[in-house]
Amino acid sequence: MWNKIKFAISRLKSFLNRHFFDIMAVIIIILTITALLGLWRLKTITPPKEPIKIDDYLNAKQ
């Protein structure tokens, strides 16, 4: 049984050694797409703010 586990671990290590940068590239692409979708959704959910009119604000204080 231990031989099968050792064999599986060695196969996994060799797979990761051969495809490490491919896996990392896919992870980076997925994270980038997720971040862009999150920013787009945040932009579409929040309503646009009206610009503050400084003159009205100053006149109201006086």
Protein backbone atom coordinates (compact mmCIF):
# COMPACT_ATOMS: atom_id res chain seq x y z
CA MET A 1 0.00 0.00 0.00
CA TRP A 2 2.80 2.42 0.86
CA ASN A 3 4.37 1.74 -2.52
CA LYS A 4 1.20 2.89 -4.27
CA ILE A 5 1.10 6.07 -2.21
CA LYS A 6 4.79 6.77 -2.89
CA PHE A 7 4.23 6.09 -6.58
CA ALA A 8 1.23 8.46 -6.68
CA ILE A 9 3.19 11.19 -4.89
CA SER A 10 6.14 10.82 -7.26
CA ARG A 11 3.79 10.99 -10.26
CA LEU A 12 2.17 14.12 -8.84
CA LYS A 13 5.57 15.74 -8.24
CA SER A 14 6.73 15.03 -11.77
CA PHE A 15 3.46 16.36 -13.19
CA LEU A 16 3.79 19.57 -11.19
CA ASN A 17 7.43 19.95 -12.22
CA ARG A 18 6.50 19.66 -15.88
CA HIS A 19 3.37 21.82 -15.82
CA PHE A 20 4.01 24.30 -13.00
CA PHE A 21 4.11 27.42 -15.17
CA ASP A 22 1.09 26.30 -17.20
CA ILE A 23 -0.92 25.86 -14.01
CA MET A 24 0.26 29.21 -12.64
CA ALA A 25 -0.65 30.97 -15.90
CA VAL A 26 -4.17 29.53 -15.79
CA ILE A 27 -4.56 30.57 -12.14
CA ILE A 28 -3.38 34.13 -12.92
CA ILE A 29 -5.79 34.39 -15.87
CA ILE A 30 -8.71 33.17 -13.74
CA LEU A 31 -7.86 35.63 -10.95
CA THR A 32 -7.55 38.51 -13.42
CA ILE A 33 -10.92 37.74 -15.01
CA THR A 34 -12.50 37.43 -11.56
CA ALA A 35 -11.06 40.78 -10.46
CA LEU A 36 -12.23 42.52 -13.64
CA LEU A 37 -15.72 41.08 -13.29
CA GLY A 38 -15.80 42.19 -9.66
CA LEU A 39 -14.77 45.74 -10.58
CA TRP A 40 -17.32 45.86 -13.40
CA ARG A 41 -20.07 44.61 -11.09
CA LEU A 42 -19.09 47.10 -8.40
CA LYS A 43 -19.25 49.88 -10.98
CA THR A 44 -22.68 48.83 -12.23
CA ILE A 45 -24.17 48.36 -8.74
CA THR A 46 -23.14 51.69 -7.19
CA PRO A 47 -25.19 54.63 -8.46
CA PRO A 48 -23.29 57.57 -9.94
CA LYS A 49 -22.75 60.38 -7.46
CA GLU A 50 -23.71 63.93 -8.28
CA PRO A 51 -20.80 66.37 -8.18
CA ILE A 52 -20.69 68.56 -5.09
CA LYS A 53 -21.32 72.22 -5.85
CA ILE A 54 -18.85 74.14 -3.72
CA ASP A 55 -20.71 77.48 -4.00
CA ASP A 56 -23.96 76.04 -2.66
CA TYR A 57 -22.09 74.34 0.17
CA LEU A 58 -20.30 77.55 1.18
CA ASN A 59 -23.47 79.67 0.95
CA ALA A 60 -25.37 77.20 3.15
CA LYS A 61 -22.72 77.49 5.89
CA GLN A 62 -23.01 81.29 6.09
